[in-house]
Protein backbone atom coordinates (compact mmCIF):
# COMPACT_ATOMS: atom_id res chain seq x y z
CA MET A 1 96.90 124.97 106.64
CA ASP A 2 99.44 125.38 103.84
CA LYS A 3 101.83 122.10 103.70
CA MET A 4 103.79 121.18 100.68
CA ARG A 5 102.95 117.34 100.90
CA TRP A 6 105.01 116.45 97.54
CA ARG A 7 108.04 114.08 98.35
CA TYR A 8 109.14 112.79 95.11
CA GLY A 9 108.32 111.72 91.49
CA ASP A 10 107.00 113.48 88.42
CA THR A 11 104.13 115.97 89.32
CA ASN A 12 102.85 116.45 85.63
CA PRO A 13 101.39 119.77 86.80
CA VAL A 14 98.48 121.52 85.22
CA VAL A 15 97.28 124.91 85.62
CA ALA A 16 93.78 125.38 86.91
CA ALA A 17 91.35 128.31 87.40
CA VAL A 18 90.09 129.07 90.69
CA ASN A 19 86.94 131.04 91.50
CA GLY A 20 87.68 134.43 93.50
CA ASP A 21 85.43 133.04 96.39
CA THR A 22 87.58 129.65 96.79
CA VAL A 23 90.16 129.30 99.29
CA ILE A 24 92.79 126.32 98.60
CA GLU A 25 95.79 125.72 100.68
CA ILE A 26 99.07 124.30 99.43
CA GLY A 27 98.50 120.36 99.89
CA ASP A 28 94.77 120.44 99.43
CA ALA A 29 93.28 117.52 97.12
CA VAL A 30 91.13 119.38 94.62
CA PHE A 31 88.49 118.39 92.12
CA GLN A 32 87.42 119.70 88.81
CA ASN A 33 84.11 121.59 88.86
CA VAL A 34 83.30 122.39 85.51
CA ASN A 35 85.99 124.98 84.61
CA GLU A 36 87.57 125.55 88.01
CA ALA A 37 89.41 123.78 90.78
CA LEU A 38 87.71 123.57 94.25
CA PRO A 39 88.94 121.91 97.41
CA ALA A 40 87.89 118.32 98.48
CA SER A 41 85.89 119.89 101.26
CA GLU A 42 83.54 121.49 98.96
CA PHE A 43 82.67 118.27 96.99
CA PRO A 44 79.01 118.03 96.77
CA LEU A 45 78.70 114.29 96.57
CA GLY A 46 79.86 111.54 98.89
CA PRO A 47 83.41 110.69 99.41
CA THR A 48 83.18 107.66 97.06
CA GLU A 49 82.27 109.67 94.08
CA PHE A 50 85.26 112.07 94.72
CA LYS A 51 87.68 109.88 92.68
CA ASP A 52 85.74 110.45 89.45
CA TYR A 53 86.54 114.38 89.74
CA PHE A 54 89.85 114.30 91.26
CA LEU A 55 92.20 116.73 89.71
CA GLY A 56 95.35 116.46 91.89
CA VAL A 57 96.91 118.19 94.91
CA ALA A 58 97.38 122.06 94.90
CA MET A 59 100.98 123.09 94.60
CA GLN A 60 100.05 126.69 95.05
CA ARG A 61 97.47 128.57 97.45
CA SER A 62 94.63 130.61 96.44
CA ARG A 63 93.25 133.12 98.91
CA LYS A 64 89.58 134.45 99.25
CA GLY A 65 89.41 137.30 96.46
CA ASP A 66 92.52 135.66 94.47
CA THR A 67 91.61 135.07 90.77
CA SER A 68 95.16 133.80 89.57
CA ASN A 69 95.16 130.27 88.22
CA ILE A 70 97.05 127.64 90.45
CA ARG A 71 99.26 124.74 89.65
CA VAL A 72 98.03 121.40 90.58
CA ALA A 73 100.14 118.34 90.48
CA THR A 74 98.23 115.23 88.90
CA THR A 75 100.89 112.57 89.84
CA GLY A 76 103.79 112.02 92.19
CA VAL A 77 104.09 110.65 95.77
CA PHE A 78 102.84 112.80 98.53
CA GLU A 79 102.79 112.59 102.30
CA PHE A 80 99.24 112.67 103.75
CA ASP A 81 97.90 112.49 107.32
CA CYS A 82 95.81 109.27 108.10
CA GLU A 83 94.24 107.12 110.71
CA PRO A 84 96.61 104.67 112.18
CA ARG A 85 96.67 101.14 110.51
CA ASN A 86 99.05 98.75 108.67
CA TRP A 87 100.03 100.03 105.33
CA GLU A 88 101.10 97.54 102.71
CA LEU A 89 102.91 98.71 99.54
CA GLY A 90 100.08 99.19 96.97
CA ASP A 91 97.17 99.58 99.47
CA LEU A 92 94.53 101.79 97.72
CA VAL A 93 93.78 105.19 99.36
CA ARG A 94 90.95 107.38 99.30
CA MET A 95 90.72 110.98 100.31
CA VAL A 96 88.83 112.19 103.66
CA GLY A 97 88.87 115.99 103.73
CA ASN A 98 91.22 118.09 101.99
CA GLN A 99 94.39 116.73 103.44
CA ASN A 100 93.89 113.43 104.92
CA VAL A 101 93.50 109.87 103.59
CA ALA A 102 92.11 106.72 104.56
CA GLY A 103 92.44 102.88 103.01
CA THR A 104 89.95 101.54 100.92
CA ASP A 105 89.11 98.32 99.26
CA TYR A 106 87.61 99.65 96.17
CA ALA A 107 89.66 101.01 93.34
CA GLU A 108 86.63 103.01 92.16
CA HIS A 109 87.08 105.16 95.40
CA ALA A 110 90.98 105.46 95.22
CA ILE A 111 93.07 108.53 94.31
CA GLY A 112 96.18 106.59 94.66
CA ARG A 113 98.27 103.88 96.21
CA VAL A 114 100.58 103.49 99.25
CA ALA A 115 104.20 104.03 98.18
CA LYS A 116 106.01 103.07 101.44
CA PHE A 117 105.59 99.79 103.21
CA GLN A 118 104.69 100.19 106.87
CA HIS A 119 104.91 97.00 108.63
CA GLU A 120 103.80 97.94 112.19
CA PHE A 121 100.47 99.56 113.13
CA TYR A 122 101.41 103.14 111.75
CA SER A 123 99.97 106.35 112.34
CA SER A 124 100.59 109.51 110.10
CA PRO A 125 101.75 110.28 107.83
CA VAL A 126 101.54 107.76 104.87
CA LEU A 127 103.22 108.09 101.36
CA VAL A 128 100.68 108.04 98.44
CA ASP A 129 101.29 107.80 94.78
CA ILE A 130 98.48 109.82 93.46
CA ARG A 131 96.85 109.45 89.85
CA SER A 132 94.59 112.17 88.85
CA THR A 133 91.22 110.54 87.31
CA VAL A 134 90.68 113.87 85.27
CA MET A 135 94.20 113.96 83.76
CA THR A 136 95.31 110.31 83.87
CA GLY A 137 92.42 108.14 84.26
CA GLY A 138 93.02 107.28 87.95
CA VAL A 139 94.43 104.45 89.64
């Protein structure tokens, strides 16, 4: 489902190619696969390896049959859905699916850090300052 997740900060967008068979929604985390962007749900390896190919968050959609390039944010603060937990400012975050995140203790799995302190046991959403590994070297 399209959901503009960007909340603030420089997005440092890039323009990424998309295959005509690929469906990408606004707000999907995408990874770089050779010369094209694909949604996180199509990542062939495990979620811990996703970070190494993380391109950013889709700012435009691509429907089946579309062959136009899309704009992808490589940095910025985005609002993602998550499982309930206590979020501390700077906590590491990894992707779970296309538009959901979870906490992680390992920087090598993280696509960003929590950008808003949540003192109580907090459910969705959480603000995450993302860093594209492909474009910025990651977290």
